[in-house]
N, C-alpha and C. Protein backbone atom coordinates (compact mmCIF):
# COMPACT_ATOMS: atom_id res chain seq x y z
N MET A 1 -137.58 46.78 -73.04
CA MET A 1 -136.54 45.90 -73.43
C MET A 1 -135.90 45.52 -71.98
N ALA A 2 -135.61 44.33 -71.81
CA ALA A 2 -134.93 44.02 -70.58
C ALA A 2 -133.49 44.02 -70.62
N GLN A 3 -132.91 44.47 -69.60
CA GLN A 3 -131.48 44.48 -69.73
C GLN A 3 -130.87 43.10 -69.25
N PRO A 4 -129.47 43.21 -69.75
CA PRO A 4 -128.79 41.62 -69.48
C PRO A 4 -128.54 41.72 -67.82
N ASP A 5 -128.63 40.28 -67.25
CA ASP A 5 -128.24 40.28 -65.86
C ASP A 5 -126.94 40.45 -65.75
N PRO A 6 -126.50 41.12 -65.11
CA PRO A 6 -124.83 41.39 -64.56
C PRO A 6 -124.20 40.35 -63.87
N ASN A 7 -125.20 39.49 -63.51
CA ASN A 7 -124.73 38.39 -62.56
C ASN A 7 -124.81 36.87 -63.61
N ALA A 8 -125.10 37.11 -64.75
CA ALA A 8 -125.27 36.03 -65.47
C ALA A 8 -123.77 35.62 -66.18
N PRO A 9 -123.54 34.35 -66.20
CA PRO A 9 -122.10 34.02 -66.84
C PRO A 9 -122.09 34.27 -68.23
N ASP A 10 -120.96 34.73 -68.54
CA ASP A 10 -120.62 35.14 -69.88
C ASP A 10 -119.84 33.73 -70.49
N VAL A 11 -120.47 32.96 -71.08
CA VAL A 11 -119.61 31.79 -71.53
C VAL A 11 -119.41 31.85 -72.82
N PHE A 12 -118.39 31.15 -73.03
CA PHE A 12 -117.78 30.89 -74.48
C PHE A 12 -118.76 30.20 -75.25
N THR A 13 -118.64 30.63 -76.82
CA THR A 13 -119.40 29.99 -77.85
C THR A 13 -118.47 28.83 -78.30
N ARG A 14 -119.17 27.69 -79.05
CA ARG A 14 -118.47 26.67 -79.41
C ARG A 14 -117.39 27.16 -80.28
N ARG A 15 -117.61 28.48 -81.13
CA ARG A 15 -116.51 28.71 -81.95
C ARG A 15 -115.27 29.17 -81.30
N GLU A 16 -115.51 29.93 -80.10
CA GLU A 16 -114.40 30.53 -79.33
C GLU A 16 -113.76 29.18 -78.70
N ILE A 17 -114.42 28.14 -78.08
CA ILE A 17 -113.86 27.11 -77.53
C ILE A 17 -112.77 26.37 -78.59
N ASN A 18 -113.47 26.23 -79.95
CA ASN A 18 -112.55 25.68 -80.93
C ASN A 18 -111.36 26.60 -81.23
N LEU A 19 -111.45 27.76 -80.96
CA LEU A 19 -110.24 28.74 -81.37
C LEU A 19 -109.23 28.31 -80.28
N ILE A 20 -109.55 28.33 -79.12
CA ILE A 20 -108.90 28.26 -77.93
C ILE A 20 -108.14 27.01 -78.06
N VAL A 21 -108.91 25.74 -78.29
CA VAL A 21 -108.40 24.47 -78.24
C VAL A 21 -107.27 24.22 -79.37
N ALA A 22 -107.71 25.10 -80.67
CA ALA A 22 -106.77 24.93 -81.80
C ALA A 22 -105.59 25.90 -82.02
N THR A 23 -105.42 26.64 -80.81
CA THR A 23 -104.21 27.55 -80.62
C THR A 23 -103.05 26.83 -80.39
N PRO A 24 -102.04 26.98 -81.55
CA PRO A 24 -100.77 26.41 -81.41
C PRO A 24 -99.93 26.71 -80.10
N THR A 25 -99.45 25.65 -79.29
CA THR A 25 -98.70 25.87 -78.10
C THR A 25 -97.77 24.73 -77.92
N GLN A 26 -96.58 25.03 -77.09
CA GLN A 26 -95.74 23.92 -76.63
C GLN A 26 -96.35 23.41 -75.41
N ARG A 27 -97.32 24.32 -74.54
CA ARG A 27 -97.93 23.83 -73.24
C ARG A 27 -99.11 22.92 -73.44
N ARG A 28 -98.73 21.82 -73.95
CA ARG A 28 -99.98 20.75 -74.13
C ARG A 28 -100.72 20.35 -72.75
N ASN A 29 -100.31 20.17 -71.88
CA ASN A 29 -100.84 19.85 -70.40
C ASN A 29 -101.78 21.14 -70.22
N GLU A 30 -101.38 22.03 -70.15
CA GLU A 30 -102.25 23.44 -69.98
C GLU A 30 -103.48 23.45 -71.01
N LEU A 31 -103.09 23.21 -72.07
CA LEU A 31 -104.27 23.24 -73.10
C LEU A 31 -105.21 22.02 -73.08
N ASN A 32 -104.57 20.86 -72.50
CA ASN A 32 -105.65 19.81 -72.31
C ASN A 32 -106.53 20.02 -71.01
N MET A 33 -105.98 20.68 -70.17
CA MET A 33 -106.75 21.09 -69.02
C MET A 33 -107.75 22.10 -69.32
N ALA A 34 -107.35 23.13 -70.21
CA ALA A 34 -108.43 24.02 -70.51
C ALA A 34 -109.53 23.63 -71.46
N GLU A 35 -109.03 22.58 -72.22
CA GLU A 35 -110.20 21.91 -73.00
C GLU A 35 -111.23 21.13 -72.20
N TYR A 36 -110.55 20.53 -71.14
CA TYR A 36 -111.52 19.48 -70.32
C TYR A 36 -112.31 20.75 -69.53
N TRP A 37 -112.00 21.79 -69.19
CA TRP A 37 -112.58 22.75 -68.25
C TRP A 37 -113.64 23.25 -69.05
N LEU A 38 -113.44 23.58 -70.25
CA LEU A 38 -114.39 24.34 -71.07
C LEU A 38 -115.44 23.31 -71.47
N TRP A 39 -115.11 22.22 -71.73
CA TRP A 39 -116.33 21.35 -72.39
C TRP A 39 -117.01 20.61 -71.09
N SER A 40 -116.43 20.49 -69.84
CA SER A 40 -117.08 19.67 -68.84
C SER A 40 -117.56 20.59 -67.88
N GLY A 41 -116.86 21.71 -67.51
CA GLY A 41 -117.41 22.67 -66.69
C GLY A 41 -117.31 22.57 -65.07
N PRO A 42 -116.21 21.87 -64.74
CA PRO A 42 -115.96 21.94 -63.21
C PRO A 42 -115.99 23.35 -62.75
N ARG A 43 -115.86 23.72 -61.49
CA ARG A 43 -115.63 24.79 -60.77
C ARG A 43 -114.03 24.91 -60.67
N PHE A 44 -113.42 25.87 -60.52
CA PHE A 44 -111.94 26.09 -60.50
C PHE A 44 -111.50 25.25 -59.60
N ALA A 45 -112.04 25.43 -58.32
CA ALA A 45 -111.39 24.40 -57.21
C ALA A 45 -111.50 22.79 -57.52
N GLU A 46 -112.54 22.47 -58.38
CA GLU A 46 -112.64 21.05 -58.49
C GLU A 46 -111.32 20.82 -59.58
N LEU A 47 -111.22 21.50 -60.57
CA LEU A 47 -110.27 21.51 -61.52
C LEU A 47 -108.92 21.49 -60.69
N MET A 48 -108.67 22.23 -60.07
CA MET A 48 -107.16 22.20 -59.37
C MET A 48 -106.93 21.07 -58.44
N ALA A 49 -108.18 20.46 -57.91
CA ALA A 49 -108.04 19.25 -57.00
C ALA A 49 -107.81 18.13 -58.07
N MET A 50 -108.13 18.06 -59.44
CA MET A 50 -107.66 17.12 -60.33
C MET A 50 -106.48 16.98 -60.85
N SER A 51 -105.64 18.43 -60.69
CA SER A 51 -104.63 18.49 -61.54
C SER A 51 -103.29 18.17 -60.40
């Protein structure tokens, strides 16, 4: 049996993304940024350059 690659990314499932996006919050800007990041996948530095 093959062992999982410790360097492989541990990505969110669609269910987890939907739970994150559906979380009630007053911080709508941060939630919008997180939703964009989760669905489109830019690197962190690219995301910060857009903000």
